[in-house]
């Protein structure tokens, strides 16, 4: 069904991209990584990042690859180093709290099935690639309603030479592969390794000639086993992902808290949440996502959402949640973005804390 539908919805050149999320989610251990080169990676671009105060959608003077086609496939994966403490901006150290693992529940199979079906969303996103980035500038990055963290897809904005950040943890040896595919089909792929069971940040820059304008892109993130390993891919837990100068230091939305560990809404108990913003964001959403463990993998599904006020740089936002969604364990997900007039930078962050709603 997926193959038949995908062939009708996307071009033959993008067909493998559509298959990756669903195939991986059905059998995470089936995806083997390519052995990346280690000594001949090009260094990150050192040129000054382009000005983004008024992102341009028509900039013929900017460099681009394969001029005239607007398309470039960066076929070699680039190794990206990780750090536990890349930034201490904001007056506090970078996050290292891993948080508890969710418990397994009877909702796992249903969410897993919905997440596999969400692979079809990738085809839809690609089909609508060439539309204006205005929607993402207005509504922020798009996250599927059901996600298996071992392999997920986000739609967000990109700009040449932008920094990208991923905050994550793996539970065993292996790596994370991230591929970014822009609306004009520029692609960039990285391999990110980390010490097992350690939360860390990976920060890298897109090439300076990654297109020539602010545009939409698909961010595909999935765990992969080490080359030649017989063990399956490690389980991945993501804590944050962001793109843009104002989204990256570590992750520009951090210090997420979500407490207490258990609430009883019928007894009028509520959960408190908070987060810190390194940058000012025009749009902010607090989302309370049901979470469970299934075959060792973290699964999440959207439950409830709150629209928050724009947050100034350096501020800490606070709020409460009455737990009126479905019973069970929940994480806090924060989506924050800057409108197109302010550069389009964006962040998605997940709390290490989990709140169990008991009804």
C-alpha atoms as a PDB file:
ATOM      1  CA  UNK A   1       0.000   0.000   0.000  1.00  0.00           C
ATOM      2  CA  UNK A   2       2.743   2.437   0.911  1.00  0.00           C
ATOM      3  CA  UNK A   3       4.733   1.712  -2.253  1.00  0.00           C
ATOM      4  CA  UNK A   4       1.705   1.996  -4.517  1.00  0.00           C
ATOM      5  CA  UNK A   5       0.575   5.252  -2.928  1.00  0.00           C
ATOM      6  CA  UNK A   6       4.067   6.734  -2.870  1.00  0.00           C
ATOM      7  CA  UNK A   7       4.647   6.121  -6.574  1.00  0.00           C
ATOM      8  CA  UNK A   8       1.552   8.139  -7.331  1.00  0.00           C
ATOM      9  CA  UNK A   9       2.439  10.961  -4.935  1.00  0.00           C
ATOM     10  CA  UNK A  10       6.104  11.737  -5.362  1.00  0.00           C
ATOM     11  CA  UNK A  11       8.670  11.731  -8.086  1.00  0.00           C
ATOM     12  CA  UNK A  12      10.933   8.741  -8.648  1.00  0.00           C
ATOM     13  CA  UNK A  13      13.902  10.796  -7.378  1.00  0.00           C
ATOM     14  CA  UNK A  14      12.255  11.230  -3.948  1.00  0.00           C
ATOM     15  CA  UNK A  15      10.842   7.688  -3.670  1.00  0.00           C
ATOM     16  CA  UNK A  16      13.549   6.371  -1.261  1.00  0.00           C
ATOM     17  CA  UNK A  17      12.924   9.283   1.099  1.00  0.00           C
ATOM     18  CA  UNK A  18       9.262   8.302   1.407  1.00  0.00           C
ATOM     19  CA  UNK A  19      10.080   4.682   2.180  1.00  0.00           C
ATOM     20  CA  UNK A  20      12.677   5.324   4.889  1.00  0.00           C
ATOM     21  CA  UNK A  21      10.431   6.252   7.846  1.00  0.00           C
ATOM     22  CA  UNK A  22       7.839   3.482   7.405  1.00  0.00           C
ATOM     23  CA  UNK A  23      10.357   0.763   6.547  1.00  0.00           C
ATOM     24  CA  UNK A  24      12.524   1.696   9.483  1.00  0.00           C
ATOM     25  CA  UNK A  25       9.663   1.825  11.937  1.00  0.00           C
ATOM     26  CA  UNK A  26       8.450  -1.603  10.891  1.00  0.00           C
ATOM     27  CA  UNK A  27      11.907  -3.115  11.356  1.00  0.00           C
ATOM     28  CA  UNK A  28      14.409  -0.729  12.997  1.00  0.00           C
ATOM     29  CA  UNK A  29      17.211  -3.283  12.873  1.00  0.00           C
ATOM     30  CA  UNK A  30      16.932  -3.601   9.098  1.00  0.00           C
ATOM     31  CA  UNK A  31      18.544  -0.241   8.359  1.00  0.00           C
ATOM     32  CA  UNK A  32      22.316  -0.565   8.212  1.00  0.00           C
ATOM     33  CA  UNK A  33      24.483   2.503   8.071  1.00  0.00           C
ATOM     34  CA  UNK A  34      27.074   3.168   5.477  1.00  0.00           C
ATOM     35  CA  UNK A  35      30.597   3.263   6.824  1.00  0.00           C
ATOM     36  CA  UNK A  36      31.364   6.968   6.900  1.00  0.00           C
ATOM     37  CA  UNK A  37      34.793   8.253   6.012  1.00  0.00           C
ATOM     38  CA  UNK A  38      36.663   9.582   9.013  1.00  0.00           C
ATOM     39  CA  UNK A  39      39.612  11.534   7.715  1.00  0.00           C
ATOM     40  CA  UNK A  40      38.418  13.357   4.612  1.00  0.00           C
ATOM     41  CA  UNK A  41      35.314  15.102   5.838  1.00  0.00           C
ATOM     42  CA  UNK A  42      35.249  18.735   4.784  1.00  0.00           C
ATOM     43  CA  UNK A  43      35.341  21.115   7.755  1.00  0.00           C
ATOM     44  CA  UNK A  44      32.170  23.068   8.587  1.00  0.00           C
ATOM     45  CA  UNK A  45      31.763  26.205   6.479  1.00  0.00           C
ATOM     46  CA  UNK A  46      33.692  29.044   8.061  1.00  0.00           C
ATOM     47  CA  UNK A  47      32.090  31.872   6.160  1.00  0.00           C
ATOM     48  CA  UNK A  48      30.036  34.433   8.055  1.00  0.00           C
ATOM     49  CA  UNK A  49      26.392  33.317   8.271  1.00  0.00           C
ATOM     50  CA  UNK A  50      24.146  35.210   5.849  1.00  0.00           C
ATOM     51  CA  UNK A  51      22.055  37.996   7.329  1.00  0.00           C
ATOM     52  CA  UNK A  52      18.581  36.734   8.187  1.00  0.00           C
ATOM     53  CA  UNK A  53      16.692  39.758   9.386  1.00  0.00           C
ATOM     54  CA  UNK A  54      14.691  39.756   6.164  1.00  0.00           C
ATOM     55  CA  UNK A  55      15.028  36.305   4.614  1.00  0.00           C
ATOM     56  CA  UNK A  56      14.911  36.480   0.869  1.00  0.00           C
ATOM     57  CA  UNK A  57      13.083  34.067  -1.367  1.00  0.00           C
ATOM     58  CA  UNK A  58      14.788  35.468  -4.476  1.00  0.00           C
ATOM     59  CA  UNK A  59      18.531  35.915  -4.233  1.00  0.00           C
ATOM     60  CA  UNK A  60      20.127  35.129  -7.596  1.00  0.00           C
ATOM     61  CA  UNK A  61      23.545  36.289  -6.437  1.00  0.00           C
ATOM     62  CA  UNK A  62      23.803  33.625  -3.698  1.00  0.00           C
ATOM     63  CA  UNK A  63      25.857  30.550  -4.573  1.00  0.00           C
ATOM     64  CA  UNK A  64      24.108  27.314  -5.430  1.00  0.00           C
ATOM     65  CA  UNK A  65      25.087  23.891  -6.671  1.00  0.00           C
ATOM     66  CA  UNK A  66      24.153  22.629 -10.107  1.00  0.00           C
ATOM     67  CA  UNK A  67      23.100  26.127 -11.112  1.00  0.00           C
ATOM     68  CA  UNK A  68      19.902  26.069 -13.088  1.00  0.00           C
ATOM     69  CA  UNK A  69      18.502  22.897 -11.572  1.00  0.00           C
ATOM     70  CA  UNK A  70      18.389  24.047  -7.946  1.00  0.00           C
ATOM     71  CA  UNK A  71      19.114  20.472  -6.917  1.00  0.00           C
ATOM     72  CA  UNK A  72      22.080  18.855  -5.205  1.00  0.00           C
ATOM     73  CA  UNK A  73      22.472  15.539  -3.455  1.00  0.00           C
ATOM     74  CA  UNK A  74      25.167  15.560  -0.778  1.00  0.00           C
ATOM     75  CA  UNK A  75      25.849  11.833  -0.995  1.00  0.00           C
ATOM     76  CA  UNK A  76      28.539  11.503   1.685  1.00  0.00           C
ATOM     77  CA  UNK A  77      27.467  11.484   5.323  1.00  0.00           C
ATOM     78  CA  UNK A  78      29.488  13.909   7.445  1.00  0.00           C
ATOM     79  CA  UNK A  79      30.653  12.940  10.930  1.00  0.00           C
ATOM     80  CA  UNK A  80      29.445  15.317  13.645  1.00  0.00           C
ATOM     81  CA  UNK A  81      30.954  15.417  17.129  1.00  0.00           C
ATOM     82  CA  UNK A  82      28.865  15.674  20.295  1.00  0.00           C
ATOM     83  CA  UNK A  83      29.359  17.553  23.544  1.00  0.00           C
ATOM     84  CA  UNK A  84      27.658  17.435  26.929  1.00  0.00           C
ATOM     85  CA  UNK A  85      28.185  21.121  27.568  1.00  0.00           C
ATOM     86  CA  UNK A  86      28.566  23.189  24.387  1.00  0.00           C
ATOM     87  CA  UNK A  87      27.102  26.371  25.844  1.00  0.00           C
ATOM     88  CA  UNK A  88      26.551  28.044  29.212  1.00  0.00           C
ATOM     89  CA  UNK A  89      24.595  30.987  27.877  1.00  0.00           C
ATOM     90  CA  UNK A  90      21.557  31.973  29.881  1.00  0.00           C
ATOM     91  CA  UNK A  91      23.336  31.745  33.222  1.00  0.00           C
ATOM     92  CA  UNK A  92      23.104  27.990  33.625  1.00  0.00           C
ATOM     93  CA  UNK A  93      24.920  24.893  32.363  1.00  0.00           C
ATOM     94  CA  UNK A  94      23.542  22.962  29.434  1.00  0.00           C
ATOM     95  CA  UNK A  95      21.010  20.229  30.241  1.00  0.00           C
ATOM     96  CA  UNK A  96      22.317  16.781  31.123  1.00  0.00           C
ATOM     97  CA  UNK A  97      19.226  15.378  32.915  1.00  0.00           C
ATOM     98  CA  UNK A  98      18.053  12.214  31.135  1.00  0.00           C
ATOM     99  CA  UNK A  99      14.776  11.716  33.004  1.00  0.00           C
ATOM    100  CA  UNK A 100      12.937   8.461  33.692  1.00  0.00           C
ATOM    101  CA  UNK A 101      11.926   6.040  30.966  1.00  0.00           C
ATOM    102  CA  UNK A 102       8.199   5.731  30.315  1.00  0.00           C
ATOM    103  CA  UNK A 103       6.451   2.497  31.215  1.00  0.00           C
ATOM    104  CA  UNK A 104       5.015   0.073  28.731  1.00  0.00           C
ATOM    105  CA  UNK A 105       1.244   0.315  28.218  1.00  0.00           C
ATOM    106  CA  UNK A 106      -1.485  -1.290  26.146  1.00  0.00           C
ATOM    107  CA  UNK A 107      -1.480   1.812  23.925  1.00  0.00           C
ATOM    108  CA  UNK A 108       1.944   0.910  22.499  1.00  0.00           C
ATOM    109  CA  UNK A 109       0.817  -1.193  19.517  1.00  0.00           C
ATOM    110  CA  UNK A 110      -1.774   1.390  18.433  1.00  0.00           C
ATOM    111  CA  UNK A 111       0.697   4.270  18.587  1.00  0.00           C
ATOM    112  CA  UNK A 112       3.339   2.215  16.807  1.00  0.00           C
ATOM    113  CA  UNK A 113       0.875   1.460  14.031  1.00  0.00           C
ATOM    114  CA  UNK A 114      -0.107   5.122  13.753  1.00  0.00           C
ATOM    115  CA  UNK A 115       3.562   6.106  13.634  1.00  0.00           C
ATOM    116  CA  UNK A 116       4.227   3.721  10.763  1.00  0.00           C
ATOM    117  CA  UNK A 117       1.267   5.213   8.940  1.00  0.00           C
ATOM    118  CA  UNK A 118       2.762   8.630   9.593  1.00  0.00           C
ATOM    119  CA  UNK A 119       5.483   7.684   7.103  1.00  0.00           C
ATOM    120  CA  UNK A 120       2.921   8.564   4.467  1.00  0.00           C
ATOM    121  CA  UNK A 121       2.962  12.126   5.780  1.00  0.00           C
ATOM    122  CA  UNK A 122       6.491  12.458   4.409  1.00  0.00           C
ATOM    123  CA  UNK A 123       5.174  11.910   0.908  1.00  0.00           C
ATOM    124  CA  UNK A 124       2.527  14.553   1.456  1.00  0.00           C
ATOM    125  CA  UNK A 125       5.094  17.021   2.790  1.00  0.00           C
ATOM    126  CA  UNK A 126       7.334  16.429  -0.209  1.00  0.00           C
ATOM    127  CA  UNK A 127       4.382  16.824  -2.544  1.00  0.00           C
ATOM    128  CA  UNK A 128       3.779  20.289  -1.072  1.00  0.00           C
ATOM    129  CA  UNK A 129       7.456  21.263  -0.927  1.00  0.00           C
ATOM    130  CA  UNK A 130       7.409  24.097  -3.397  1.00  0.00           C
ATOM    131  CA  UNK A 131       4.771  26.083  -1.589  1.00  0.00           C
ATOM    132  CA  UNK A 132       5.760  29.283   0.172  1.00  0.00           C
ATOM    133  CA  UNK A 133       7.448  28.949   3.598  1.00  0.00           C
ATOM    134  CA  UNK A 134       4.819  31.338   4.983  1.00  0.00           C
ATOM    135  CA  UNK A 135       2.831  28.555   6.656  1.00  0.00           C
ATOM    136  CA  UNK A 136       5.814  27.349   8.681  1.00  0.00           C
ATOM    137  CA  UNK A 137       6.679  30.948   9.502  1.00  0.00           C
ATOM    138  CA  UNK A 138       3.167  31.398  10.855  1.00  0.00           C
ATOM    139  CA  UNK A 139       2.433  27.999  12.428  1.00  0.00           C
ATOM    140  CA  UNK A 140       5.920  26.799  13.328  1.00  0.00           C
ATOM    141  CA  UNK A 141       7.621  23.453  12.710  1.00  0.00           C
ATOM    142  CA  UNK A 142       5.352  20.483  12.030  1.00  0.00           C
ATOM    143  CA  UNK A 143       5.636  17.311  14.116  1.00  0.00           C
ATOM    144  CA  UNK A 144       3.588  14.181  13.261  1.00  0.00           C
ATOM    145  CA  UNK A 145       0.794  13.350  15.714  1.00  0.00           C
ATOM    146  CA  UNK A 146       2.291   9.929  16.463  1.00  0.00           C
ATOM    147  CA  UNK A 147       6.050   9.422  16.671  1.00  0.00           C
ATOM    148  CA  UNK A 148       8.449   6.569  17.376  1.00  0.00           C
ATOM    149  CA  UNK A 149      11.574   8.372  18.529  1.00  0.00           C
ATOM    150  CA  UNK A 150      13.835   5.769  16.935  1.00  0.00           C
ATOM    151  CA  UNK A 151      12.859   7.293  13.603  1.00  0.00           C
ATOM    152  CA  UNK A 152      10.938  10.546  13.235  1.00  0.00           C
ATOM    153  CA  UNK A 153      10.395  13.323  10.721  1.00  0.00           C
ATOM    154  CA  UNK A 154       9.911  17.068  11.279  1.00  0.00           C
ATOM    155  CA  UNK A 155       9.128  19.729   8.720  1.00  0.00           C
ATOM    156  CA  UNK A 156      10.842  23.089   9.336  1.00  0.00           C
ATOM    157  CA  UNK A 157      12.580  25.997   7.652  1.00  0.00           C
ATOM    158  CA  UNK A 158      16.213  26.062   6.501  1.00  0.00           C
ATOM    159  CA  UNK A 159      18.620  28.704   5.213  1.00  0.00           C
ATOM    160  CA  UNK A 160      22.152  28.426   3.776  1.00  0.00           C
ATOM    161  CA  UNK A 161      24.854  28.044   6.438  1.00  0.00           C
ATOM    162  CA  UNK A 162      22.318  27.750   9.242  1.00  0.00           C
ATOM    163  CA  UNK A 163      23.434  25.873  12.373  1.00  0.00           C
ATOM    164  CA  UNK A 164      21.438  22.764  13.287  1.00  0.00           C
ATOM    165  CA  UNK A 165      21.304  21.195  16.766  1.00  0.00           C
ATOM    166  CA  UNK A 166      20.163  17.813  18.057  1.00  0.00           C
ATOM    167  CA  UNK A 167      19.973  17.028  21.790  1.00  0.00           C
ATOM    168  CA  UNK A 168      19.607  13.260  22.320  1.00  0.00           C
ATOM    169  CA  UNK A 169      20.534  10.013  24.080  1.00  0.00           C
ATOM    170  CA  UNK A 170      21.178   6.479  22.796  1.00  0.00           C
ATOM    171  CA  UNK A 171      20.784   3.434  25.030  1.00  0.00           C
ATOM    172  CA  UNK A 172      23.476   1.282  23.369  1.00  0.00           C
ATOM    173  CA  UNK A 173      26.326   1.570  20.815  1.00  0.00           C
ATOM    174  CA  UNK A 174      25.326   2.998  17.478  1.00  0.00           C
ATOM    175  CA  UNK A 175      24.638   6.395  15.967  1.00  0.00           C
ATOM    176  CA  UNK A 176      22.000   8.811  14.750  1.00  0.00           C
ATOM    177  CA  UNK A 177      21.644   9.659  11.090  1.00  0.00           C
ATOM    178  CA  UNK A 178      19.994  12.933  10.129  1.00  0.00           C
ATOM    179  CA  UNK A 179      19.145  13.824   6.559  1.00  0.00           C
ATOM    180  CA  UNK A 180      17.846  17.266   5.645  1.00  0.00           C
ATOM    181  CA  UNK A 181      16.080  17.586   2.296  1.00  0.00           C
ATOM    182  CA  UNK A 182      15.120  21.097   1.213  1.00  0.00           C
ATOM    183  CA  UNK A 183      12.290  22.140  -1.077  1.00  0.00           C
ATOM    184  CA  UNK A 184      14.719  22.629  -3.973  1.00  0.00           C
ATOM    185  CA  UNK A 185      16.076  19.099  -3.291  1.00  0.00           C
ATOM    186  CA  UNK A 186      19.372  20.188  -1.749  1.00  0.00           C
ATOM    187  CA  UNK A 187      20.301  17.445   0.716  1.00  0.00           C
ATOM    188  CA  UNK A 188      22.708  17.180   3.591  1.00  0.00           C
ATOM    189  CA  UNK A 189      23.340  14.033   5.645  1.00  0.00           C
ATOM    190  CA  UNK A 190      25.236  13.626   8.918  1.00  0.00           C
ATOM    191  CA  UNK A 191      26.190  10.743  11.197  1.00  0.00           C
ATOM    192  CA  UNK A 192      26.176  11.575  14.918  1.00  0.00           C
ATOM    193  CA  UNK A 193      27.799   9.247  17.442  1.00  0.00           C
ATOM    194  CA  UNK A 194      27.493   9.389  21.197  1.00  0.00           C
ATOM    195  CA  UNK A 195      28.481   7.466  24.309  1.00  0.00           C
ATOM    196  CA  UNK A 196      25.551   5.213  25.291  1.00  0.00           C
ATOM    197  CA  UNK A 197      23.203   6.479  28.005  1.00  0.00           C
ATOM    198  CA  UNK A 198      24.687   9.979  27.937  1.00  0.00           C
ATOM    199  CA  UNK A 199      22.654  13.002  26.934  1.00  0.00           C
ATOM    200  CA  UNK A 200      24.644  15.173  24.537  1.00  0.00           C
ATOM    201  CA  UNK A 201      24.372  17.819  21.834  1.00  0.00           C
ATOM    202  CA  UNK A 202      25.421  17.693  18.206  1.00  0.00           C
ATOM    203  CA  UNK A 203      25.816  21.024  16.403  1.00  0.00           C
ATOM    204  CA  UNK A 204      26.695  21.422  12.731  1.00  0.00           C
ATOM    205  CA  UNK A 205      26.185  23.901   9.906  1.00  0.00           C
ATOM    206  CA  UNK A 206      24.480  23.418   6.600  1.00  0.00           C
ATOM    207  CA  UNK A 207      26.695  24.181   3.590  1.00  0.00           C
ATOM    208  CA  UNK A 208      26.920  27.856   2.647  1.00  0.00           C
ATOM    209  CA  UNK A 209      25.503  26.961  -0.765  1.00  0.00           C
ATOM    210  CA  UNK A 210      22.574  24.930   0.578  1.00  0.00           C
ATOM    211  CA  UNK A 211      20.139  26.608  -1.799  1.00  0.00           C
ATOM    212  CA  UNK A 212      19.845  30.373  -1.992  1.00  0.00           C
ATOM    213  CA  UNK A 213      16.816  31.291   0.092  1.00  0.00           C
ATOM    214  CA  UNK A 214      14.745  30.521   3.171  1.00  0.00           C
ATOM    215  CA  UNK A 215      12.708  27.427   2.326  1.00  0.00           C
ATOM    216  CA  UNK A 216      10.887  24.427   3.766  1.00  0.00           C
ATOM    217  CA  UNK A 217      12.741  21.188   4.477  1.00  0.00           C
ATOM    218  CA  UNK A 218      12.205  17.692   5.798  1.00  0.00           C
ATOM    219  CA  UNK A 219      14.385  16.672   8.775  1.00  0.00           C
ATOM    220  CA  UNK A 220      14.625  12.873   9.013  1.00  0.00           C
ATOM    221  CA  UNK A 221      16.209  11.570  12.224  1.00  0.00           C
ATOM    222  CA  UNK A 222      16.725   7.888  13.006  1.00  0.00           C
ATOM    223  CA  UNK A 223      19.044   5.635  14.976  1.00  0.00           C
ATOM    224  CA  UNK A 224      21.351   3.216  13.148  1.00  0.00           C
ATOM    225  CA  UNK A 225      23.579   0.337  14.314  1.00  0.00           C
ATOM    226  CA  UNK A 226      27.349   0.487  14.066  1.00  0.00           C
ATOM    227  CA  UNK A 227      28.733  -0.763  10.738  1.00  0.00           C
ATOM    228  CA  UNK A 228      28.880  -4.562  10.723  1.00  0.00           C
ATOM    229  CA  UNK A 229      27.001  -4.885  14.014  1.00  0.00           C
ATOM    230  CA  UNK A 230      24.596  -7.770  14.450  1.00  0.00           C
ATOM    231  CA  UNK A 231      22.664  -5.975  17.195  1.00  0.00           C
ATOM    232  CA  UNK A 232      19.704  -3.786  16.214  1.00  0.00           C
ATOM    233  CA  UNK A 233      19.884  -0.021  16.125  1.00  0.00           C
ATOM    234  CA  UNK A 234      20.030   1.607  19.563  1.00  0.00           C
ATOM    235  CA  UNK A 235      16.927   3.144  21.057  1.00  0.00           C
ATOM    236  CA  UNK A 236      16.867   6.907  20.639  1.00  0.00           C
ATOM    237  CA  UNK A 237      15.384   9.519  22.937  1.00  0.00           C
ATOM    238  CA  UNK A 238      15.363  13.065  21.602  1.00  0.00           C
ATOM    239  CA  UNK A 239      15.266  16.100  23.880  1.00  0.00           C
ATOM    240  CA  UNK A 240      15.513  18.885  21.334  1.00  0.00           C
ATOM    241  CA  UNK A 241      16.080  19.821  17.707  1.00  0.00           C
ATOM    242  CA  UNK A 242      16.436  23.282  16.206  1.00  0.00           C
ATOM    243  CA  UNK A 243      17.577  25.262  13.186  1.00  0.00           C
ATOM    244  CA  UNK A 244      18.834  28.834  12.831  1.00  0.00           C
ATOM    245  CA  UNK A 245      21.236  31.208  14.543  1.00  0.00           C
ATOM    246  CA  UNK A 246      18.646  32.077  17.218  1.00  0.00           C
ATOM    247  CA  UNK A 247      17.760  28.426  17.809  1.00  0.00           C
ATOM    248  CA  UNK A 248      21.247  27.096  18.464  1.00  0.00           C
ATOM    249  CA  UNK A 249      23.717  27.611  21.336  1.00  0.00           C
ATOM    250  CA  UNK A 250      22.811  24.362  22.869  1.00  0.00           C
ATOM    251  CA  UNK A 251      19.045  24.258  22.186  1.00  0.00           C
ATOM    252  CA  UNK A 252      17.497  27.717  22.523  1.00  0.00           C
ATOM    253  CA  UNK A 253      14.510  26.320  24.454  1.00  0.00           C
ATOM    254  CA  UNK A 254      15.888  24.354  27.388  1.00  0.00           C
ATOM    255  CA  UNK A 255      15.576  23.634  31.122  1.00  0.00           C
ATOM    256  CA  UNK A 256      12.168  22.028  30.560  1.00  0.00           C
ATOM    257  CA  UNK A 257      10.416  20.980  33.767  1.00  0.00           C
ATOM    258  CA  UNK A 258       7.155  19.062  34.136  1.00  0.00           C
ATOM    259  CA  UNK A 259       6.077  18.116  37.679  1.00  0.00           C
ATOM    260  CA  UNK A 260       4.953  16.297  39.805  1.00  0.00           C
ATOM    261  CA  UNK A 261       5.465  12.714  38.717  1.00  0.00           C
ATOM    262  CA  UNK A 262       1.781  11.850  39.289  1.00  0.00           C
ATOM    263  CA  UNK A 263      -1.434  13.885  39.260  1.00  0.00           C
ATOM    264  CA  UNK A 264      -5.077  12.988  39.941  1.00  0.00           C
ATOM    265  CA  UNK A 265      -7.252  15.418  37.923  1.00  0.00           C
ATOM    266  CA  UNK A 266     -10.439  14.294  39.696  1.00  0.00           C
ATOM    267  CA  UNK A 267      -8.846  15.518  42.919  1.00  0.00           C
ATOM    268  CA  UNK A 268      -8.158  18.853  41.166  1.00  0.00           C
ATOM    269  CA  UNK A 269      -4.428  18.203  41.023  1.00  0.00           C
ATOM    270  CA  UNK A 270      -2.513  19.888  38.185  1.00  0.00           C
ATOM    271  CA  UNK A 271       0.972  19.643  36.735  1.00  0.00           C
ATOM    272  CA  UNK A 272       3.313  22.614  36.566  1.00  0.00           C
ATOM    273  CA  UNK A 273       5.599  23.173  33.594  1.00  0.00           C
ATOM    274  CA  UNK A 274       8.329  25.598  32.682  1.00  0.00           C
ATOM    275  CA  UNK A 275      11.167  26.264  30.253  1.00  0.00           C
ATOM    276  CA  UNK A 276      13.890  28.819  29.542  1.00  0.00           C
ATOM    277  CA  UNK A 277      14.324  30.721  26.282  1.00  0.00           C
ATOM    278  CA  UNK A 278      17.804  31.760  25.133  1.00  0.00           C
ATOM    279  CA  UNK A 279      16.218  33.765  22.291  1.00  0.00           C
ATOM    280  CA  UNK A 280      12.963  35.614  21.737  1.00  0.00           C
ATOM    281  CA  UNK A 281      10.278  33.576  19.973  1.00  0.00           C
ATOM    282  CA  UNK A 282       7.112  34.927  18.359  1.00  0.00           C
ATOM    283  CA  UNK A 283       5.158  31.677  18.432  1.00  0.00           C
ATOM    284  CA  UNK A 284       5.154  29.190  21.331  1.00  0.00           C
ATOM    285  CA  UNK A 285       3.061  26.082  21.918  1.00  0.00           C
ATOM    286  CA  UNK A 286       3.098  23.817  24.970  1.00  0.00           C
ATOM    287  CA  UNK A 287       1.958  20.335  23.967  1.00  0.00           C
ATOM    288  CA  UNK A 288       1.237  17.507  26.386  1.00  0.00           C
ATOM    289  CA  UNK A 289       1.995  14.261  24.612  1.00  0.00           C
ATOM    290  CA  UNK A 290       1.050  10.778  25.759  1.00  0.00           C
ATOM    291  CA  UNK A 291       4.146   8.599  26.000  1.00  0.00           C
ATOM    292  CA  UNK A 292       4.794   4.898  26.382  1.00  0.00           C
ATOM    293  CA  UNK A 293       7.531   2.325  25.896  1.00  0.00           C
ATOM    294  CA  UNK A 294       7.065  -0.371  23.243  1.00  0.00           C
ATOM    295  CA  UNK A 295       9.731  -2.960  22.414  1.00  0.00           C
ATOM    296  CA  UNK A 296      12.208  -0.712  24.225  1.00  0.00           C
ATOM    297  CA  UNK A 297      11.380   2.286  22.031  1.00  0.00           C
ATOM    298  CA  UNK A 298       9.912   5.595  23.222  1.00  0.00           C
ATOM    299  CA  UNK A 299       6.587   6.359  21.531  1.00  0.00           C
ATOM    300  CA  UNK A 300       4.685   9.639  21.822  1.00  0.00           C
ATOM    301  CA  UNK A 301       1.284  10.824  20.608  1.00  0.00           C
ATOM    302  CA  UNK A 302      -0.264  14.293  20.701  1.00  0.00           C
ATOM    303  CA  UNK A 303      -2.925  14.739  23.369  1.00  0.00           C
ATOM    304  CA  UNK A 304      -3.497  18.386  24.337  1.00  0.00           C
ATOM    305  CA  UNK A 305      -2.021  21.769  23.412  1.00  0.00           C
ATOM    306  CA  UNK A 306      -1.821  25.255  24.884  1.00  0.00           C
ATOM    307  CA  UNK A 307      -1.019  28.410  22.938  1.00  0.00           C
ATOM    308  CA  UNK A 308       1.436  30.496  24.948  1.00  0.00           C
ATOM    309  CA  UNK A 309       2.388  34.143  24.674  1.00  0.00           C
ATOM    310  CA  UNK A 310       5.534  35.172  22.756  1.00  0.00           C
ATOM    311  CA  UNK A 311       8.556  34.831  25.013  1.00  0.00           C
ATOM    312  CA  UNK A 312      11.369  37.408  25.254  1.00  0.00           C
ATOM    313  CA  UNK A 313      15.046  36.483  25.227  1.00  0.00           C
ATOM    314  CA  UNK A 314      16.342  35.222  28.571  1.00  0.00           C
ATOM    315  CA  UNK A 315      12.891  34.711  30.101  1.00  0.00           C
ATOM    316  CA  UNK A 316      11.488  31.618  31.791  1.00  0.00           C
ATOM    317  CA  UNK A 317       7.900  30.686  30.963  1.00  0.00           C
ATOM    318  CA  UNK A 318       5.664  28.899  33.454  1.00  0.00           C
ATOM    319  CA  UNK A 319       2.230  27.339  33.327  1.00  0.00           C
ATOM    320  CA  UNK A 320      -0.078  24.614  34.601  1.00  0.00           C
ATOM    321  CA  UNK A 321      -1.846  21.678  32.981  1.00  0.00           C
ATOM    322  CA  UNK A 322      -4.957  20.137  34.473  1.00  0.00           C
ATOM    323  CA  UNK A 323      -4.409  16.697  32.920  1.00  0.00           C
ATOM    324  CA  UNK A 324      -7.728  16.699  31.066  1.00  0.00           C
ATOM    325  CA  UNK A 325      -6.391  14.484  28.282  1.00  0.00           C
ATOM    326  CA  UNK A 326      -6.157  10.712  28.259  1.00  0.00           C
ATOM    327  CA  UNK A 327      -4.891   8.873  31.353  1.00  0.00           C
ATOM    328  CA  UNK A 328      -1.299   7.664  31.416  1.00  0.00           C
ATOM    329  CA  UNK A 329       2.192   9.109  31.212  1.00  0.00           C
ATOM    330  CA  UNK A 330       2.846  12.375  29.405  1.00  0.00           C
ATOM    331  CA  UNK A 331       5.853  14.437  28.322  1.00  0.00           C
ATOM    332  CA  UNK A 332       5.946  18.173  27.732  1.00  0.00           C
ATOM    333  CA  UNK A 333       6.712  19.176  24.129  1.00  0.00           C
ATOM    334  CA  UNK A 334       7.523  22.805  23.359  1.00  0.00           C
ATOM    335  CA  UNK A 335       7.454  24.182  19.809  1.00  0.00           C
ATOM    336  CA  UNK A 336       8.847  27.682  19.431  1.00  0.00           C
ATOM    337  CA  UNK A 337       9.587  29.710  16.318  1.00  0.00           C
ATOM    338  CA  UNK A 338      10.427  33.157  15.016  1.00  0.00           C
ATOM    339  CA  UNK A 339       8.249  34.560  12.235  1.00  0.00           C
ATOM    340  CA  UNK A 340       9.667  35.116   8.768  1.00  0.00           C
ATOM    341  CA  UNK A 341      10.234  38.795   9.541  1.00  0.00           C
ATOM    342  CA  UNK A 342      12.532  37.699  12.394  1.00  0.00           C
ATOM    343  CA  UNK A 343      14.463  35.026  10.527  1.00  0.00           C
ATOM    344  CA  UNK A 344      12.304  31.888  10.760  1.00  0.00           C
ATOM    345  CA  UNK A 345      14.477  30.061  13.357  1.00  0.00           C
ATOM    346  CA  UNK A 346      12.679  27.238  15.185  1.00  0.00           C
ATOM    347  CA  UNK A 347      12.981  24.705  18.010  1.00  0.00           C
ATOM    348  CA  UNK A 348      11.154  21.563  19.158  1.00  0.00           C
ATOM    349  CA  UNK A 349      12.036  20.400  22.689  1.00  0.00           C
ATOM    350  CA  UNK A 350      10.874  17.483  24.859  1.00  0.00           C
ATOM    351  CA  UNK A 351      11.011  17.312  28.643  1.00  0.00           C
ATOM    352  CA  UNK A 352      13.071  14.697  30.472  1.00  0.00           C
ATOM    353  CA  UNK A 353      10.298  14.733  33.109  1.00  0.00           C
ATOM    354  CA  UNK A 354       7.206  12.531  32.759  1.00  0.00           C
ATOM    355  CA  UNK A 355       3.861  13.144  34.470  1.00  0.00           C
ATOM    356  CA  UNK A 356       1.480  10.215  35.019  1.00  0.00           C
ATOM    357  CA  UNK A 357      -2.189  11.219  34.798  1.00  0.00           C
ATOM    358  CA  UNK A 358      -4.222   8.866  37.015  1.00  0.00           C
ATOM    359  CA  UNK A 359      -7.992   8.908  36.608  1.00  0.00           C
END
